[in-house]
Every structure is written in structure tokens, then in C-alpha cells.
Amino acid sequence: MSEFAGEGVVQWWWIRHAPSASPANIIHGRDDVSADLTDTDALKRLASVLPAGAKMLTSELARARQTYDALRYLNPALPAAVAEPAFGEQDFGAWTGRTWSEVAPLAPQFWDDPIENAPPDGESYAVMCRRVLRRILTISQAQGNGTIVSVAHAGTIRAALALALDLDFAASIRFEIDPLSLTRIDAFVGDEDIAWRVQSVNVGFASDS
């Protein structure tokens, strides 16, 4: 018998959005850049495995919403998604739209603690993680049972893994989370707490995976 018998199970299907339709190495964060949806083979493969009866969420950012819309077009059995602002990417503030090579000399003190330090007018990685974790816990408790598909961002999914694996945020940033990849996490919801099991991380659907 499972050690989690008698508890509700919420199956989280985390998808990172399609690549951003912009030059490489640009810092986007909360920037509302569009998604590059040209890898139709990858989108078809991913759309075909998604559970039609799930609750569908996206971040409020265009690249996540557009990715889900493309998946739903390819699999019309999928329901409409609800935007979840708490699952947006880290806010890089004044660094948004620039490259890391441009901002590195502007704020050398940032690299003393890139987890807790925030870009100018932005939020730190740790603050982003705490925002995501609170919402995951609230939704899991409210859902109790069933499946949730969430199209979000690399930072969002790393935060979910930090919660599931009881990692500090500095460790969670080491996960590779590719565009159009799937990460599966189960939440076993009890009366007073939640236990976690990671099923898979960064399963690729892109053509070069």
C-alpha cells in the first residue's frame, strides 16, 4: 500500500513555454514578448500527451498564453486555460530587454548573492520563488485531487521543484528547464500538510531533444 494512501493527489504537469520570439540571451522576465511557435512537431507531440480533463493554467505573460493556445489548437479536447499571475517569471526590472553581458558590469555586487539580491526595480529570485510556492500550496490545498497543467516559465518550474524536493533556492536554480519541456510533480494533500513526489524533470518535446 502506498505511504500516501488516503490522501488526495494533485498531479502537476508543468510546461515551459515555447522559445521567445526574440534574439538569444535577452533578459525577458516579466517582459510580454511573444512565443516562437514554429516547432510545430514539438507542439503536436506535447499536445498529444496532455490530459484533456485537467484544470489548465498559464502565467499571464503572452509567451505562456500563446504556447497553450497553440497546444489547444492542436488538441481541441483541451479546455480553455485560466491565467495565474503568480506563476509569472522573475521581474528583472531595469534589466529587462538587455543582455547579461550588458548588465554584469553595471551591478557587480549583484553576483555576491544572485538569489537574494534584486535587479533595480525588480524582484529577487528568492522573492519570485516564495511567490510561486505560496500559490502552489494554496491551489493544491483547494484542488485536493485531480490534474493541473500549468504553462509557465523556467523560474516558476524551478521554484516548484524547490518546494517538492525541499531544496534551498540556490540549489533549485541548477535545474535545466528547456522550452517545451514537461516536468511532473505530484502533491499528496493531507488534512494538515502536503507531501511531494517528482515524477520527471525537463522531459523534452522539441525537435532537437
N, C-alpha and C. Protein backbone atom coordinates (compact mmCIF):
# COMPACT_ATOMS: atom_id res chain seq x y z
N MET A 1 0.86 -1.20 0.00
CA MET A 1 0.00 0.00 0.00
C MET A 1 0.88 1.24 0.00
N SER A 2 0.47 2.26 -0.75
CA SER A 2 1.26 3.48 -0.82
C SER A 2 1.33 4.15 0.54
N GLU A 3 2.48 4.78 0.82
CA GLU A 3 2.61 5.55 2.06
C GLU A 3 1.69 6.76 2.07
N PHE A 4 1.13 7.10 0.89
CA PHE A 4 0.25 8.26 0.78
C PHE A 4 -1.22 7.85 0.68
N ALA A 5 -1.53 6.61 0.99
CA ALA A 5 -2.91 6.13 0.90
C ALA A 5 -3.83 6.99 1.77
N GLY A 6 -5.00 7.27 1.26
CA GLY A 6 -5.97 8.05 2.00
C GLY A 6 -5.86 9.54 1.78
N GLU A 7 -4.85 9.99 1.05
CA GLU A 7 -4.69 11.41 0.76
C GLU A 7 -5.11 11.69 -0.67
N GLY A 8 -5.56 12.91 -0.92
CA GLY A 8 -5.83 13.31 -2.28
C GLY A 8 -4.53 13.54 -3.04
N VAL A 9 -4.57 13.35 -4.34
CA VAL A 9 -3.39 13.53 -5.16
C VAL A 9 -3.67 14.58 -6.23
N VAL A 10 -2.89 15.62 -6.23
CA VAL A 10 -2.94 16.63 -7.29
C VAL A 10 -1.72 16.44 -8.17
N GLN A 11 -1.95 16.10 -9.41
CA GLN A 11 -0.86 15.87 -10.36
C GLN A 11 -0.59 17.18 -11.12
N TRP A 12 0.60 17.73 -10.88
CA TRP A 12 1.01 18.96 -11.57
C TRP A 12 1.82 18.60 -12.81
N TRP A 13 1.36 19.10 -13.95
CA TRP A 13 2.08 18.98 -15.22
C TRP A 13 2.60 20.38 -15.56
N TRP A 14 3.89 20.58 -15.36
CA TRP A 14 4.49 21.89 -15.59
C TRP A 14 5.14 21.91 -16.98
N ILE A 15 4.75 22.87 -17.79
CA ILE A 15 5.30 23.03 -19.14
C ILE A 15 5.98 24.39 -19.23
N ARG A 16 7.22 24.39 -19.71
CA ARG A 16 7.83 25.68 -20.01
C ARG A 16 7.35 26.11 -21.40
N HIS A 17 7.04 27.37 -21.53
CA HIS A 17 6.55 27.93 -22.79
C HIS A 17 7.53 27.69 -23.94
N ALA A 18 7.06 27.88 -25.17
CA ALA A 18 7.92 27.81 -26.35
C ALA A 18 8.98 28.91 -26.29
N PRO A 19 10.05 28.78 -27.07
CA PRO A 19 11.10 29.82 -27.04
C PRO A 19 10.53 31.20 -27.31
N SER A 20 11.20 32.20 -26.76
CA SER A 20 10.78 33.57 -27.01
C SER A 20 11.15 33.98 -28.44
N ALA A 21 10.26 34.73 -29.06
CA ALA A 21 10.49 35.18 -30.44
C ALA A 21 11.32 36.46 -30.42
N SER A 22 12.58 36.32 -30.03
CA SER A 22 13.48 37.47 -29.93
C SER A 22 14.91 36.96 -30.00
N PRO A 23 15.88 37.84 -30.17
CA PRO A 23 17.27 37.38 -30.19
C PRO A 23 17.66 36.65 -28.92
N ALA A 24 18.59 35.72 -29.04
CA ALA A 24 19.04 34.94 -27.88
C ALA A 24 19.74 35.84 -26.86
N ASN A 25 19.72 35.37 -25.60
CA ASN A 25 20.44 36.00 -24.49
C ASN A 25 19.83 37.31 -24.01
N ILE A 26 18.61 37.63 -24.47
CA ILE A 26 17.92 38.81 -23.95
C ILE A 26 17.23 38.44 -22.64
N ILE A 27 17.31 39.33 -21.65
CA ILE A 27 16.63 39.11 -20.38
C ILE A 27 15.18 39.56 -20.53
N HIS A 28 14.25 38.61 -20.42
CA HIS A 28 12.84 38.95 -20.60
C HIS A 28 12.11 39.07 -19.26
N GLY A 29 12.19 38.06 -18.42
CA GLY A 29 11.47 38.13 -17.16
C GLY A 29 10.00 38.39 -17.38
N ARG A 30 9.51 39.52 -16.87
CA ARG A 30 8.08 39.85 -16.98
C ARG A 30 7.75 40.59 -18.29
N ASP A 31 8.74 40.75 -19.16
CA ASP A 31 8.50 41.36 -20.46
C ASP A 31 7.50 40.51 -21.24
N ASP A 32 6.57 41.17 -21.93
CA ASP A 32 5.50 40.42 -22.58
C ASP A 32 5.86 40.08 -24.03
N VAL A 33 7.01 39.49 -24.23
CA VAL A 33 7.47 39.08 -25.55
C VAL A 33 6.66 37.89 -26.05
N SER A 34 6.50 37.79 -27.36
CA SER A 34 5.74 36.69 -27.95
C SER A 34 6.54 35.39 -27.96
N ALA A 35 5.82 34.28 -28.17
CA ALA A 35 6.44 32.96 -28.27
C ALA A 35 6.75 32.64 -29.74
N ASP A 36 7.82 31.91 -29.94
CA ASP A 36 8.16 31.36 -31.25
C ASP A 36 7.52 29.98 -31.35
N LEU A 37 6.49 29.88 -32.17
CA LEU A 37 5.69 28.66 -32.26
C LEU A 37 5.97 27.88 -33.54
N THR A 38 7.15 28.03 -34.08
CA THR A 38 7.46 27.41 -35.37
C THR A 38 7.78 25.93 -35.26
N ASP A 39 8.09 25.43 -34.06
CA ASP A 39 8.38 24.00 -33.90
C ASP A 39 7.06 23.24 -33.75
N THR A 40 6.35 23.13 -34.85
CA THR A 40 5.01 22.52 -34.79
C THR A 40 5.05 21.04 -34.45
N ASP A 41 6.12 20.35 -34.83
CA ASP A 41 6.23 18.93 -34.49
C ASP A 41 6.29 18.75 -32.97
N ALA A 42 7.09 19.60 -32.31
CA ALA A 42 7.18 19.52 -30.85
C ALA A 42 5.85 19.85 -30.20
N LEU A 43 5.19 20.87 -30.70
CA LEU A 43 3.89 21.23 -30.14
C LEU A 43 2.88 20.11 -30.31
N LYS A 44 2.90 19.44 -31.46
CA LYS A 44 1.99 18.31 -31.68
C LYS A 44 2.27 17.18 -30.70
N ARG A 45 3.55 16.86 -30.51
CA ARG A 45 3.90 15.77 -29.59
C ARG A 45 3.46 16.10 -28.17
N LEU A 46 3.70 17.33 -27.76
CA LEU A 46 3.32 17.74 -26.41
C LEU A 46 1.81 17.78 -26.25
N ALA A 47 1.11 18.34 -27.23
CA ALA A 47 -0.35 18.42 -27.16
C ALA A 47 -0.99 17.05 -27.04
N SER A 48 -0.38 16.07 -27.69
CA SER A 48 -0.98 14.72 -27.72
C SER A 48 -0.92 14.01 -26.37
N VAL A 49 -0.05 14.43 -25.47
CA VAL A 49 0.08 13.72 -24.19
C VAL A 49 -0.65 14.43 -23.05
N LEU A 50 -1.18 15.61 -23.30
CA LEU A 50 -1.79 16.36 -22.22
C LEU A 50 -3.17 15.79 -21.86
N PRO A 51 -3.47 15.70 -20.57
CA PRO A 51 -4.76 15.14 -20.13
C PRO A 51 -5.90 16.13 -20.35
N ALA A 52 -6.89 15.74 -21.13
CA ALA A 52 -7.96 16.66 -21.52
C ALA A 52 -8.82 17.08 -20.34
N GLY A 53 -8.91 16.25 -19.30
CA GLY A 53 -9.78 16.57 -18.18
C GLY A 53 -9.13 17.41 -17.10
N ALA A 54 -7.94 17.91 -17.36
CA ALA A 54 -7.21 18.66 -16.34
C ALA A 54 -7.68 20.10 -16.24
N LYS A 55 -7.38 20.72 -15.11
CA LYS A 55 -7.50 22.16 -14.98
C LYS A 55 -6.30 22.79 -15.65
N MET A 56 -6.52 23.79 -16.51
CA MET A 56 -5.44 24.38 -17.29
C MET A 56 -5.13 25.79 -16.80
N LEU A 57 -3.86 26.03 -16.51
CA LEU A 57 -3.40 27.34 -16.07
C LEU A 57 -2.27 27.81 -16.97
N THR A 58 -2.12 29.10 -17.11
CA THR A 58 -0.93 29.68 -17.71
C THR A 58 -0.50 30.86 -16.86
N SER A 59 0.74 31.30 -17.01
CA SER A 59 1.07 32.60 -16.45
C SER A 59 0.33 33.65 -17.26
N GLU A 60 0.36 34.89 -16.79
CA GLU A 60 -0.36 35.95 -17.51
C GLU A 60 0.43 36.48 -18.70
N LEU A 61 1.67 36.02 -18.89
CA LEU A 61 2.54 36.56 -19.93
C LEU A 61 2.23 35.93 -21.29
N ALA A 62 2.42 36.71 -22.33
CA ALA A 62 1.99 36.32 -23.67
C ALA A 62 2.62 35.02 -24.13
N ARG A 63 3.91 34.83 -23.87
CA ARG A 63 4.56 33.63 -24.40
C ARG A 63 4.01 32.35 -23.79
N ALA A 64 3.54 32.41 -22.56
CA ALA A 64 2.89 31.24 -21.95
C ALA A 64 1.48 31.06 -22.50
N ARG A 65 0.72 32.12 -22.59
CA ARG A 65 -0.65 32.02 -23.10
C ARG A 65 -0.66 31.57 -24.56
N GLN A 66 0.26 32.12 -25.37
CA GLN A 66 0.31 31.74 -26.78
C GLN A 66 0.72 30.28 -26.95
N THR A 67 1.62 29.81 -26.10
CA THR A 67 2.00 28.40 -26.16
C THR A 67 0.81 27.51 -25.88
N TYR A 68 0.05 27.84 -24.84
CA TYR A 68 -1.12 27.00 -24.55
C TYR A 68 -2.16 27.08 -25.65
N ASP A 69 -2.38 28.26 -26.20
CA ASP A 69 -3.34 28.39 -27.29
C ASP A 69 -2.94 27.50 -28.48
N ALA A 70 -1.63 27.43 -28.75
CA ALA A 70 -1.16 26.58 -29.84
C ALA A 70 -1.39 25.11 -29.52
N LEU A 71 -1.16 24.70 -28.27
CA LEU A 71 -1.40 23.32 -27.87
C LEU A 71 -2.89 22.98 -27.97
N ARG A 72 -3.73 23.91 -27.57
CA ARG A 72 -5.17 23.66 -27.62
C ARG A 72 -5.67 23.59 -29.07
N TYR A 73 -5.07 24.39 -29.94
CA TYR A 73 -5.44 24.33 -31.36
C TYR A 73 -5.15 22.94 -31.92
N LEU A 74 -4.03 22.36 -31.49
CA LEU A 74 -3.64 21.04 -31.98
C LEU A 74 -4.38 19.91 -31.27
N ASN A 75 -4.90 20.18 -30.09
CA ASN A 75 -5.69 19.19 -29.34
C ASN A 75 -6.95 19.88 -28.84
N PRO A 76 -7.99 19.95 -29.68
CA PRO A 76 -9.20 20.70 -29.32
C PRO A 76 -9.93 20.16 -28.10
N ALA A 77 -9.58 18.98 -27.64
CA ALA A 77 -10.23 18.44 -26.44
C ALA A 77 -9.79 19.18 -25.18
N LEU A 78 -8.70 19.93 -25.26
CA LEU A 78 -8.22 20.66 -24.09
C LEU A 78 -9.14 21.85 -23.81
N PRO A 79 -9.43 22.12 -22.55
CA PRO A 79 -10.31 23.25 -22.21
C PRO A 79 -9.55 24.57 -22.22
N ALA A 80 -10.28 25.65 -22.11
CA ALA A 80 -9.64 26.97 -22.00
C ALA A 80 -8.83 27.05 -20.71
N ALA A 81 -7.76 27.83 -20.75
CA ALA A 81 -6.90 27.98 -19.59
C ALA A 81 -7.23 29.26 -18.83
N VAL A 82 -6.91 29.25 -17.55
CA VAL A 82 -7.07 30.41 -16.68
C VAL A 82 -5.70 31.02 -16.44
N ALA A 83 -5.57 32.33 -16.56
CA ALA A 83 -4.29 33.00 -16.31
C ALA A 83 -4.03 33.08 -14.80
N GLU A 84 -2.82 32.74 -14.40
CA GLU A 84 -2.41 32.75 -13.00
C GLU A 84 -1.22 33.71 -12.85
N PRO A 85 -1.46 34.97 -12.45
CA PRO A 85 -0.38 35.95 -12.38
C PRO A 85 0.79 35.55 -11.48
N ALA A 86 0.52 34.79 -10.43
CA ALA A 86 1.59 34.41 -9.51
C ALA A 86 2.62 33.49 -10.15
N PHE A 87 2.30 32.89 -11.30
CA PHE A 87 3.22 31.97 -11.96
C PHE A 87 4.05 32.66 -13.03
N GLY A 88 4.05 33.99 -13.06
CA GLY A 88 4.92 34.72 -13.99
C GLY A 88 6.39 34.57 -13.63
N GLU A 89 7.23 34.86 -14.60
CA GLU A 89 8.68 34.76 -14.42
C GLU A 89 9.18 35.86 -13.47
N GLN A 90 10.40 35.72 -13.02
CA GLN A 90 11.04 36.73 -12.18
C GLN A 90 11.02 38.09 -12.88
N ASP A 91 10.78 39.14 -12.12
CA ASP A 91 10.79 40.50 -12.65
C ASP A 91 12.22 41.05 -12.57
N PHE A 92 12.82 41.27 -13.74
CA PHE A 92 14.19 41.77 -13.79
C PHE A 92 14.27 43.29 -13.86
N GLY A 93 13.15 43.96 -13.69
CA GLY A 93 13.16 45.41 -13.55
C GLY A 93 13.88 46.13 -14.67
N ALA A 94 14.84 46.98 -14.30
CA ALA A 94 15.56 47.82 -15.26
C ALA A 94 16.44 47.01 -16.21
N TRP A 95 16.67 45.73 -15.89
CA TRP A 95 17.49 44.90 -16.77
C TRP A 95 16.69 44.25 -17.89
N THR A 96 15.37 44.36 -17.84
CA THR A 96 14.53 43.74 -18.85
C THR A 96 14.87 44.27 -20.24
N GLY A 97 15.03 43.36 -21.18
CA GLY A 97 15.34 43.75 -22.55
C GLY A 97 16.81 43.89 -22.84
N ARG A 98 17.67 43.74 -21.83
CA ARG A 98 19.12 43.83 -22.02
C ARG A 98 19.72 42.43 -21.98
N THR A 99 21.00 42.34 -22.21
CA THR A 99 21.68 41.04 -22.13
C THR A 99 22.45 40.97 -20.81
N TRP A 100 22.78 39.74 -20.40
CA TRP A 100 23.55 39.56 -19.16
C TRP A 100 24.92 40.20 -19.28
N SER A 101 25.52 40.15 -20.46
CA SER A 101 26.84 40.76 -20.63
C SER A 101 26.77 42.27 -20.48
N GLU A 102 25.62 42.86 -20.81
CA GLU A 102 25.45 44.30 -20.64
C GLU A 102 25.29 44.68 -19.17
N VAL A 103 24.53 43.88 -18.42
CA VAL A 103 24.22 44.28 -17.05
C VAL A 103 25.30 43.87 -16.06
N ALA A 104 26.11 42.87 -16.39
CA ALA A 104 27.11 42.37 -15.43
C ALA A 104 28.02 43.47 -14.89
N PRO A 105 28.59 44.35 -15.74
CA PRO A 105 29.47 45.39 -15.20
C PRO A 105 28.73 46.51 -14.48
N LEU A 106 27.40 46.58 -14.67
CA LEU A 106 26.64 47.65 -14.04
C LEU A 106 26.35 47.38 -12.57
N ALA A 107 26.32 46.11 -12.18
CA ALA A 107 25.94 45.75 -10.81
C ALA A 107 26.78 44.58 -10.33
N PRO A 108 28.09 44.78 -10.16
CA PRO A 108 28.93 43.65 -9.72
C PRO A 108 28.54 43.09 -8.37
N GLN A 109 27.93 43.91 -7.50
CA GLN A 109 27.53 43.43 -6.18
C GLN A 109 26.37 42.43 -6.27
N PHE A 110 25.63 42.45 -7.37
CA PHE A 110 24.53 41.51 -7.53
C PHE A 110 25.02 40.08 -7.44
N TRP A 111 26.18 39.81 -7.98
CA TRP A 111 26.69 38.45 -8.06
C TRP A 111 27.22 37.93 -6.72
N ASP A 112 27.29 38.82 -5.70
CA ASP A 112 27.64 38.35 -4.36
C ASP A 112 26.55 37.41 -3.82
N ASP A 113 25.31 37.65 -4.20
CA ASP A 113 24.19 36.80 -3.79
C ASP A 113 23.07 36.94 -4.82
N PRO A 114 23.20 36.28 -5.97
CA PRO A 114 22.20 36.46 -7.04
C PRO A 114 20.85 35.84 -6.72
N ILE A 115 20.75 35.12 -5.60
CA ILE A 115 19.47 34.55 -5.19
C ILE A 115 18.64 35.57 -4.42
N GLU A 116 19.26 36.26 -3.48
CA GLU A 116 18.54 37.21 -2.63
C GLU A 116 18.60 38.64 -3.16
N ASN A 117 19.60 38.99 -3.94
CA ASN A 117 19.71 40.34 -4.48
C ASN A 117 18.74 40.53 -5.64
N ALA A 118 18.16 41.71 -5.73
CA ALA A 118 17.19 42.00 -6.79
C ALA A 118 17.78 42.98 -7.80
N PRO A 119 17.46 42.83 -9.08
CA PRO A 119 17.83 43.86 -10.05
C PRO A 119 17.13 45.18 -9.71
N PRO A 120 17.64 46.29 -10.19
CA PRO A 120 16.98 47.58 -9.92
C PRO A 120 15.52 47.56 -10.37
N ASP A 121 14.64 47.94 -9.47
CA ASP A 121 13.19 48.00 -9.73
C ASP A 121 12.59 46.63 -10.04
N GLY A 122 13.29 45.56 -9.70
CA GLY A 122 12.79 44.21 -9.95
C GLY A 122 12.63 43.43 -8.67
N GLU A 123 12.58 42.11 -8.80
CA GLU A 123 12.46 41.23 -7.64
C GLU A 123 13.59 40.21 -7.66
N SER A 124 13.96 39.72 -6.51
CA SER A 124 15.00 38.70 -6.44
C SER A 124 14.45 37.35 -6.85
N TYR A 125 15.36 36.44 -7.16
CA TYR A 125 14.94 35.06 -7.46
C TYR A 125 14.23 34.45 -6.25
N ALA A 126 14.72 34.74 -5.05
CA ALA A 126 14.10 34.20 -3.84
C ALA A 126 12.67 34.72 -3.65
N VAL A 127 12.46 35.99 -3.91
CA VAL A 127 11.11 36.56 -3.80
C VAL A 127 10.18 35.91 -4.82
N MET A 128 10.68 35.73 -6.05
CA MET A 128 9.87 35.05 -7.06
C MET A 128 9.50 33.65 -6.61
N CYS A 129 10.48 32.91 -6.08
CA CYS A 129 10.21 31.55 -5.62
C CYS A 129 9.14 31.54 -4.54
N ARG A 130 9.24 32.43 -3.57
CA ARG A 130 8.25 32.45 -2.49
C ARG A 130 6.86 32.79 -3.02
N ARG A 131 6.79 33.68 -3.99
CA ARG A 131 5.51 34.00 -4.62
C ARG A 131 4.89 32.77 -5.26
N VAL A 132 5.70 32.02 -5.99
CA VAL A 132 5.22 30.82 -6.68
C VAL A 132 4.82 29.74 -5.67
N LEU A 133 5.66 29.53 -4.66
CA LEU A 133 5.39 28.47 -3.69
C LEU A 133 4.08 28.69 -2.94
N ARG A 134 3.85 29.93 -2.54
CA ARG A 134 2.59 30.21 -1.82
C ARG A 134 1.39 29.84 -2.67
N ARG A 135 1.46 30.18 -3.95
CA ARG A 135 0.31 29.92 -4.82
C ARG A 135 0.14 28.42 -5.10
N ILE A 136 1.25 27.71 -5.29
CA ILE A 136 1.16 26.26 -5.50
C ILE A 136 0.49 25.60 -4.29
N LEU A 137 0.90 25.97 -3.11
CA LEU A 137 0.32 25.39 -1.90
C LEU A 137 -1.17 25.69 -1.80
N THR A 138 -1.54 26.94 -2.07
CA THR A 138 -2.95 27.32 -1.99
C THR A 138 -3.79 26.55 -3.00
N ILE A 139 -3.30 26.47 -4.24
CA ILE A 139 -4.06 25.77 -5.28
C ILE A 139 -4.14 24.28 -4.97
N SER A 140 -3.04 23.68 -4.53
CA SER A 140 -3.05 22.25 -4.22
C SER A 140 -4.04 21.92 -3.11
N GLN A 141 -4.05 22.74 -2.07
CA GLN A 141 -5.00 22.50 -0.98
C GLN A 141 -6.43 22.67 -1.45
N ALA A 142 -6.68 23.68 -2.27
CA ALA A 142 -8.04 23.93 -2.75
C ALA A 142 -8.50 22.85 -3.72
N GLN A 143 -7.58 22.36 -4.55
CA GLN A 143 -7.92 21.35 -5.56
C GLN A 143 -8.16 20.00 -4.90
N GLY A 144 -7.23 19.60 -4.03
CA GLY A 144 -7.42 18.36 -3.28
C GLY A 144 -7.14 17.09 -4.07
N ASN A 145 -7.62 17.03 -5.29
CA ASN A 145 -7.48 15.88 -6.16
C ASN A 145 -7.51 16.35 -7.61
N GLY A 146 -6.97 15.53 -8.51
CA GLY A 146 -7.09 15.83 -9.93
C GLY A 146 -5.77 16.23 -10.56
N THR A 147 -5.86 16.80 -11.73
CA THR A 147 -4.68 17.13 -12.53
C THR A 147 -4.70 18.60 -12.91
N ILE A 148 -3.55 19.23 -12.81
CA ILE A 148 -3.39 20.64 -13.20
C ILE A 148 -2.26 20.72 -14.21
N VAL A 149 -2.53 21.28 -15.37
CA VAL A 149 -1.50 21.58 -16.36
C VAL A 149 -1.22 23.08 -16.29
N SER A 150 0.04 23.45 -16.13
CA SER A 150 0.40 24.85 -16.00
C SER A 150 1.52 25.19 -16.97
N VAL A 151 1.25 26.09 -17.91
CA VAL A 151 2.28 26.57 -18.83
C VAL A 151 2.89 27.82 -18.22
N ALA A 152 4.16 27.73 -17.89
CA ALA A 152 4.80 28.82 -17.15
C ALA A 152 6.24 29.00 -17.64
N HIS A 153 7.15 29.24 -16.73
CA HIS A 153 8.49 29.70 -17.07
C HIS A 153 9.54 28.87 -16.33
N ALA A 154 10.77 28.99 -16.77
CA ALA A 154 11.85 28.23 -16.14
C ALA A 154 11.93 28.52 -14.65
N GLY A 155 11.86 29.80 -14.28
CA GLY A 155 11.93 30.16 -12.86
C GLY A 155 10.78 29.59 -12.06
N THR A 156 9.59 29.63 -12.63
CA THR A 156 8.41 29.08 -11.96
C THR A 156 8.58 27.59 -11.68
N ILE A 157 9.06 26.88 -12.67
CA ILE A 157 9.19 25.42 -12.54
C ILE A 157 10.32 25.07 -11.58
N ARG A 158 11.40 25.83 -11.60
CA ARG A 158 12.46 25.60 -10.61
C ARG A 158 11.95 25.83 -9.19
N ALA A 159 11.10 26.82 -9.02
CA ALA A 159 10.51 27.07 -7.70
C ALA A 159 9.65 25.89 -7.27
N ALA A 160 8.87 25.33 -8.19
CA ALA A 160 8.04 24.16 -7.87
C ALA A 160 8.90 22.98 -7.47
N LEU A 161 10.04 22.81 -8.14
CA LEU A 161 10.96 21.72 -7.77
C LEU A 161 11.61 21.97 -6.41
N ALA A 162 11.91 23.22 -6.11
CA ALA A 162 12.46 23.54 -4.78
C ALA A 162 11.47 23.15 -3.69
N LEU A 163 10.19 23.41 -3.93
CA LEU A 163 9.17 23.04 -2.95
C LEU A 163 9.07 21.53 -2.82
N ALA A 164 9.00 20.84 -3.94
CA ALA A 164 8.79 19.39 -3.91
C ALA A 164 9.97 18.65 -3.30
N LEU A 165 11.18 19.14 -3.55
CA LEU A 165 12.39 18.44 -3.10
C LEU A 165 13.00 19.06 -1.85
N ASP A 166 12.33 20.06 -1.28
CA ASP A 166 12.81 20.72 -0.06
C ASP A 166 14.23 21.25 -0.27
N LEU A 167 14.44 21.93 -1.41
CA LEU A 167 15.74 22.48 -1.75
C LEU A 167 15.81 23.95 -1.36
N ASP A 168 17.02 24.41 -1.06
CA ASP A 168 17.17 25.86 -0.96
C ASP A 168 17.14 26.43 -2.37
N PHE A 169 16.85 27.71 -2.48
CA PHE A 169 16.63 28.30 -3.79
C PHE A 169 17.91 28.30 -4.64
N ALA A 170 19.05 28.41 -4.00
CA ALA A 170 20.30 28.38 -4.75
C ALA A 170 20.51 27.05 -5.45
N ALA A 171 20.07 25.96 -4.82
CA ALA A 171 20.19 24.64 -5.45
C ALA A 171 19.20 24.49 -6.60
N SER A 172 18.01 25.05 -6.45
CA SER A 172 16.99 24.86 -7.47
C SER A 172 17.36 25.52 -8.80
N ILE A 173 18.15 26.54 -8.76
CA ILE A 173 18.49 27.25 -9.99
C ILE A 173 19.39 26.41 -10.89
N ARG A 174 19.92 25.31 -10.38
CA ARG A 174 20.79 24.43 -11.19
C ARG A 174 20.00 23.55 -12.15
N PHE A 175 18.68 23.45 -11.99
CA PHE A 175 17.90 22.63 -12.91
C PHE A 175 17.86 23.26 -14.30
N GLU A 176 18.10 22.45 -15.32
CA GLU A 176 17.88 22.87 -16.69
C GLU A 176 16.40 22.67 -17.03
N ILE A 177 15.74 23.72 -17.46
CA ILE A 177 14.32 23.65 -17.83
C ILE A 177 14.21 24.24 -19.24
N ASP A 178 14.07 23.37 -20.23
CA ASP A 178 14.09 23.79 -21.63
C ASP A 178 12.71 24.23 -22.11
N PRO A 179 12.67 25.06 -23.16
CA PRO A 179 11.38 25.39 -23.76
C PRO A 179 10.66 24.12 -24.23
N LEU A 180 9.35 24.13 -24.08
CA LEU A 180 8.50 23.00 -24.49
C LEU A 180 8.93 21.69 -23.81
N SER A 181 9.34 21.80 -22.56
CA SER A 181 9.64 20.60 -21.76
C SER A 181 8.55 20.41 -20.72
N LEU A 182 8.45 19.17 -20.22
CA LEU A 182 7.44 18.80 -19.24
C LEU A 182 8.10 18.32 -17.97
N THR A 183 7.66 18.86 -16.85
CA THR A 183 8.09 18.43 -15.51
C THR A 183 6.85 18.00 -14.73
N ARG A 184 6.89 16.80 -14.15
CA ARG A 184 5.73 16.23 -13.48
C ARG A 184 5.98 16.10 -11.98
N ILE A 185 5.10 16.70 -11.18
CA ILE A 185 5.20 16.68 -9.72
C ILE A 185 3.83 16.33 -9.15
N ASP A 186 3.80 15.38 -8.22
CA ASP A 186 2.56 15.02 -7.54
C ASP A 186 2.53 15.62 -6.14
N ALA A 187 1.38 16.17 -5.78
CA ALA A 187 1.16 16.69 -4.43
C ALA A 187 0.15 15.78 -3.73
N PHE A 188 0.56 15.19 -2.62
CA PHE A 188 -0.32 14.33 -1.82
C PHE A 188 -0.88 15.18 -0.68
N VAL A 189 -2.12 15.54 -0.82
CA VAL A 189 -2.73 16.56 0.05
C VAL A 189 -3.40 15.90 1.24
N GLY A 190 -2.85 16.14 2.41
CA GLY A 190 -3.45 15.64 3.64
C GLY A 190 -4.25 16.72 4.33
N ASP A 191 -4.76 16.40 5.49
CA ASP A 191 -5.57 17.35 6.24
C ASP A 191 -4.74 18.53 6.74
N GLU A 192 -3.46 18.27 7.04
CA GLU A 192 -2.64 19.32 7.65
C GLU A 192 -1.41 19.68 6.83
N ASP A 193 -1.00 18.84 5.90
CA ASP A 193 0.20 19.15 5.15
C ASP A 193 0.15 18.49 3.78
N ILE A 194 1.19 18.71 3.00
CA ILE A 194 1.30 18.16 1.65
C ILE A 194 2.65 17.45 1.53
N ALA A 195 2.62 16.23 1.01
CA ALA A 195 3.85 15.51 0.66
C ALA A 195 4.01 15.55 -0.86
N TRP A 196 5.25 15.37 -1.32
CA TRP A 196 5.54 15.58 -2.73
C TRP A 196 6.28 14.40 -3.33
N ARG A 197 6.05 14.17 -4.62
CA ARG A 197 6.82 13.19 -5.38
C ARG A 197 7.08 13.75 -6.78
N VAL A 198 8.35 13.73 -7.18
CA VAL A 198 8.71 14.20 -8.51
C VAL A 198 8.72 13.01 -9.46
N GLN A 199 7.90 13.08 -10.49
CA GLN A 199 7.81 12.01 -11.47
C GLN A 199 8.85 12.14 -12.58
N SER A 200 9.08 13.36 -13.05
CA SER A 200 10.03 13.58 -14.13
C SER A 200 10.38 15.06 -14.18
N VAL A 201 11.55 15.36 -14.77
CA VAL A 201 12.01 16.75 -14.87
C VAL A 201 12.54 16.99 -16.29
N ASN A 202 12.06 18.07 -16.90
CA ASN A 202 12.62 18.55 -18.17
C ASN A 202 12.57 17.49 -19.29
N VAL A 203 11.44 16.81 -19.39
CA VAL A 203 11.25 15.87 -20.49
C VAL A 203 11.02 16.67 -21.77
N GLY A 204 11.87 16.44 -22.77
CA GLY A 204 11.87 17.28 -23.95
C GLY A 204 10.92 16.82 -25.04
N PHE A 205 10.33 17.80 -25.74
CA PHE A 205 9.48 17.53 -26.89
C PHE A 205 9.96 18.27 -28.12
N ALA A 206 10.92 19.20 -27.94
CA ALA A 206 11.42 19.97 -29.06
C ALA A 206 12.13 19.05 -30.07
N SER A 207 12.23 19.48 -31.29
CA SER A 207 12.77 18.64 -32.37
C SER A 207 14.20 18.24 -32.15
N ASP A 208 14.97 19.03 -31.41
CA ASP A 208 16.36 18.70 -31.17
C ASP A 208 16.59 18.03 -29.82
N SER A 209 15.50 17.63 -29.13
CA SER A 209 15.64 16.99 -27.81
C SER A 209 16.14 15.56 -27.96
